Protein backbone atom coordinates (compact mmCIF):
# COMPACT_ATOMS: atom_id res chain seq x y z
CA MET A 1 -6.01 -25.32 0.86
CA SER A 2 -1.72 -24.40 1.35
CA ARG A 3 1.15 -26.42 0.97
CA ILE A 4 4.13 -27.32 3.38
CA VAL A 5 7.25 -26.46 1.93
CA VAL A 6 10.61 -27.17 3.42
CA LEU A 7 13.29 -24.12 3.07
CA ASN A 8 16.81 -25.59 3.88
CA HIS A 9 20.14 -25.19 3.49
CA VAL A 10 22.03 -28.09 3.43
CA THR A 11 25.24 -29.54 2.50
CA LEU A 12 26.75 -31.99 -0.06
CA ASP A 13 26.43 -34.96 2.32
CA GLY A 14 23.20 -33.71 3.97
CA VAL A 15 24.40 -31.75 7.05
CA MET A 16 21.52 -29.18 7.84
CA GLN A 17 22.75 -28.42 11.63
CA GLY A 18 23.78 -24.60 12.19
CA PRO A 19 24.23 -23.06 8.70
CA GLY A 20 24.34 -19.37 9.77
CA ARG A 21 26.58 -18.99 12.79
CA PRO A 22 29.18 -20.59 14.59
CA ASP A 23 26.66 -20.63 17.91
CA GLU A 24 23.69 -21.45 16.13
CA ASP A 25 23.97 -24.90 17.12
CA THR A 26 26.08 -26.65 18.73
CA ARG A 27 24.55 -30.06 19.56
CA ASP A 28 26.60 -33.17 19.98
CA GLY A 29 29.59 -31.20 19.76
CA PHE A 30 28.94 -29.57 15.92
CA GLN A 31 31.68 -27.21 15.31
CA HIS A 32 31.54 -26.36 11.86
CA GLY A 33 28.69 -23.74 12.14
CA GLY A 34 27.93 -20.96 9.59
CA TRP A 35 29.10 -22.91 6.90
CA SER A 36 26.53 -21.25 4.79
CA MET A 37 27.59 -17.78 4.89
CA ASP A 38 30.33 -17.18 2.44
CA ASP A 39 28.22 -18.80 -0.09
CA ASN A 40 25.21 -16.04 -0.19
CA ASP A 41 24.82 -13.79 -3.02
CA ASP A 42 21.88 -11.78 -4.42
CA VAL A 43 20.47 -14.65 -6.57
CA MET A 44 19.92 -16.55 -3.32
CA GLY A 45 18.18 -13.68 -2.27
CA GLN A 46 16.12 -13.00 -4.74
CA VAL A 47 14.95 -16.36 -4.71
CA MET A 48 14.19 -17.05 -1.09
CA GLY A 49 12.95 -12.90 -1.26
CA SER A 50 10.52 -14.16 -3.53
CA ARG A 51 9.55 -17.43 -1.85
CA LEU A 52 8.87 -15.97 1.49
CA ALA A 53 7.18 -12.89 -0.02
CA GLU A 54 4.22 -15.16 -1.10
CA SER A 55 4.51 -17.34 2.79
CA GLY A 56 1.47 -17.58 4.89
CA GLY A 57 3.89 -18.15 7.92
CA LEU A 58 6.13 -20.20 9.44
CA LEU A 59 5.80 -24.05 10.50
CA LEU A 60 8.76 -24.77 13.07
CA GLY A 61 10.33 -26.95 15.79
CA ARG A 62 10.67 -25.55 19.05
CA ARG A 63 14.21 -25.45 19.00
CA SER A 64 14.46 -23.88 15.83
CA TYR A 65 11.67 -20.82 16.67
CA GLU A 66 13.67 -20.49 20.09
CA ASP A 67 16.63 -19.59 17.95
CA MET A 68 14.79 -17.47 15.23
CA LEU A 69 13.38 -15.63 18.00
CA GLY A 70 16.68 -14.85 20.08
CA TYR A 71 18.60 -14.16 17.13
CA TRP A 72 16.43 -12.38 14.61
CA ASN A 73 14.03 -10.42 16.77
CA THR A 74 16.46 -7.82 17.91
CA THR A 75 15.93 -3.97 17.68
CA ASP A 76 18.72 -4.21 14.56
CA SER A 77 17.46 -6.77 12.49
CA PRO A 78 16.12 -6.26 9.00
CA PHE A 79 13.57 -8.80 9.24
CA LYS A 80 12.38 -8.13 12.67
CA ASP A 81 9.15 -6.85 11.81
CA ALA A 82 8.40 -9.13 8.81
CA LEU A 83 8.74 -11.87 11.18
CA ASN A 84 6.91 -10.61 13.80
CA ASN A 85 4.29 -10.00 12.00
CA ALA A 86 4.60 -13.07 10.31
CA PRO A 87 1.92 -16.24 11.50
CA LYS A 88 3.88 -18.57 13.46
CA TYR A 89 3.03 -22.57 14.42
CA VAL A 90 5.11 -24.18 16.71
CA ALA A 91 5.53 -27.46 17.04
CA SER A 92 6.60 -28.34 20.67
CA HIS A 93 7.10 -30.68 23.36
CA THR A 94 7.05 -28.44 26.06
CA GLU A 95 3.84 -26.01 27.50
CA ASP A 96 6.51 -23.36 28.23
CA PRO A 97 4.41 -19.92 26.60
CA LEU A 98 5.93 -18.55 23.18
CA THR A 99 6.84 -15.07 23.46
CA TRP A 100 6.85 -14.06 19.80
CA PRO A 101 4.55 -12.29 18.05
CA ASN A 102 1.43 -14.42 16.31
CA SER A 103 2.44 -17.88 17.17
CA THR A 104 0.39 -20.69 18.03
CA MET A 105 1.21 -23.62 19.75
CA LEU A 106 0.67 -27.38 18.09
CA THR A 107 0.99 -29.86 20.66
CA GLY A 108 -0.33 -33.80 21.16
CA ASP A 109 -0.68 -35.47 17.90
CA VAL A 110 1.36 -32.70 15.22
CA PRO A 111 1.03 -34.00 12.50
CA ALA A 112 -2.54 -34.27 13.06
CA SER A 113 -2.83 -30.51 13.62
CA VAL A 114 -0.40 -29.41 10.40
CA GLY A 115 -2.86 -31.69 8.58
CA GLU A 116 -5.79 -29.32 9.65
CA LEU A 117 -3.53 -26.54 8.68
CA ARG A 118 -3.14 -27.73 5.25
CA LYS A 119 -6.74 -27.04 5.00
CA GLU A 120 -7.32 -23.61 6.62
CA THR A 121 -4.83 -21.52 4.88
CA GLY A 122 -4.26 -20.56 1.24
CA LYS A 123 -0.72 -19.46 1.15
CA ASP A 124 2.33 -21.81 1.94
CA LEU A 125 3.54 -22.84 5.13
CA HIS A 126 7.22 -22.77 5.05
CA ILE A 127 9.61 -25.45 7.61
CA MET A 128 12.69 -24.17 8.26
CA GLY A 129 15.40 -26.07 10.27
CA SER A 130 12.84 -28.30 12.34
CA GLY A 131 14.73 -31.45 11.35
CA ALA A 132 12.32 -33.37 14.35
CA LEU A 133 9.22 -31.60 12.82
CA ILE A 134 10.41 -32.42 9.24
CA GLN A 135 11.00 -36.47 10.52
CA SER A 136 7.58 -36.29 12.16
CA LEU A 137 5.74 -35.20 9.01
CA LEU A 138 7.13 -37.27 5.84
CA PRO A 139 5.71 -40.11 6.79
CA ASN A 140 2.50 -38.69 7.02
CA ASN A 141 2.70 -37.30 3.50
CA LEU A 142 3.00 -33.82 5.07
CA ILE A 143 5.27 -32.25 3.34
CA ASP A 144 4.29 -30.58 -0.06
CA GLU A 145 7.71 -29.50 -1.48
CA PHE A 146 11.44 -28.89 -0.30
CA MET A 147 13.37 -26.22 -1.49
CA LEU A 148 16.85 -27.01 -0.98
CA LEU A 149 19.65 -25.06 -1.18
CA ILE A 150 22.18 -27.19 -1.59
CA HIS A 151 26.13 -26.05 -0.71
CA PRO A 152 29.29 -27.25 -2.77
CA VAL A 153 31.00 -28.17 0.97
CA VAL A 154 31.17 -31.49 2.68
CA LEU A 155 31.20 -31.02 6.67
CA GLY A 156 31.51 -35.25 7.65
CA SER A 157 29.33 -34.81 10.29
CA GLY A 158 26.16 -32.98 12.13
CA HIS A 159 22.46 -33.46 12.16
CA ARG A 160 21.32 -34.35 8.55
CA LEU A 161 17.88 -33.89 6.89
CA PHE A 162 17.24 -37.17 5.96
CA PRO A 163 18.80 -39.28 8.63
CA ASP A 164 19.08 -43.10 8.67
CA GLY A 165 15.82 -44.17 9.24
CA THR A 166 13.86 -41.45 7.14
CA PRO A 167 10.95 -43.10 5.11
CA ARG A 168 11.60 -43.66 1.49
CA THR A 169 10.34 -40.84 -0.48
CA SER A 170 10.67 -40.47 -4.05
CA LEU A 171 10.43 -36.67 -5.27
CA ARG A 172 10.87 -35.23 -8.50
CA LEU A 173 12.98 -32.00 -9.46
CA VAL A 174 10.69 -29.53 -10.69
CA ASP A 175 12.77 -26.12 -10.34
CA SER A 176 16.49 -25.55 -10.37
CA VAL A 177 18.85 -22.46 -10.12
CA ILE A 178 22.81 -22.48 -9.86
CA THR A 179 24.06 -19.10 -7.64
CA THR A 180 26.99 -17.30 -8.76
CA LYS A 181 28.73 -19.34 -5.40
CA GLY A 182 27.86 -22.52 -6.83
CA VAL A 183 24.80 -23.32 -4.70
CA VAL A 184 22.27 -25.52 -6.08
CA ILE A 185 18.85 -24.41 -5.26
CA ALA A 186 16.84 -27.83 -6.21
CA THR A 187 12.86 -27.67 -5.54
CA PHE A 188 11.57 -31.22 -5.18
CA GLN A 189 7.77 -32.11 -5.11
CA PRO A 190 6.96 -35.81 -3.59
CA THR A 191 5.38 -38.36 -6.17
CA ASP A 192 2.93 -40.65 -5.65
CA ALA A 193 5.41 -43.95 -6.08
CA ALA A 194 7.04 -44.71 -2.86
């Protein structure tokens, strides 16, 4: 059985929108894209690298899938081969074809499909971005761990990891690392208490 693990950058006020580039996600007039880039360092690279080296694949929403494909699957990307070779499971409301190699569409009852994936694979499946997918899995107790890279910045606007209406979820801290740039990499697992 595998675990479903969320790996996301968030601000102190919980914003997860557009961490990587100014044009990454401008929905709803978001103008703070690229807010995480100045905080990258070797500590973050080592933590993320060791986590992703043991990955059983990516579990993504359609928007995150398309964005990653469009940006990282270029000829000069250092991640191109690893991303092309990784299994990718994509929750989608559209039937548009998935053009990235090793991609599988999850349609219909996505939480049920993800529940089946958890039973089949052995290594962790990682969710990056994919806020709507996370919100669909939380009420079904399908997220086993959150590794959050909490950046020392408040944006005041943007799509949040846990928006209003998120079901109550009790978590316990199982690990933490502080980078040289002040990013707290905190790993949480849900507890049975709700």
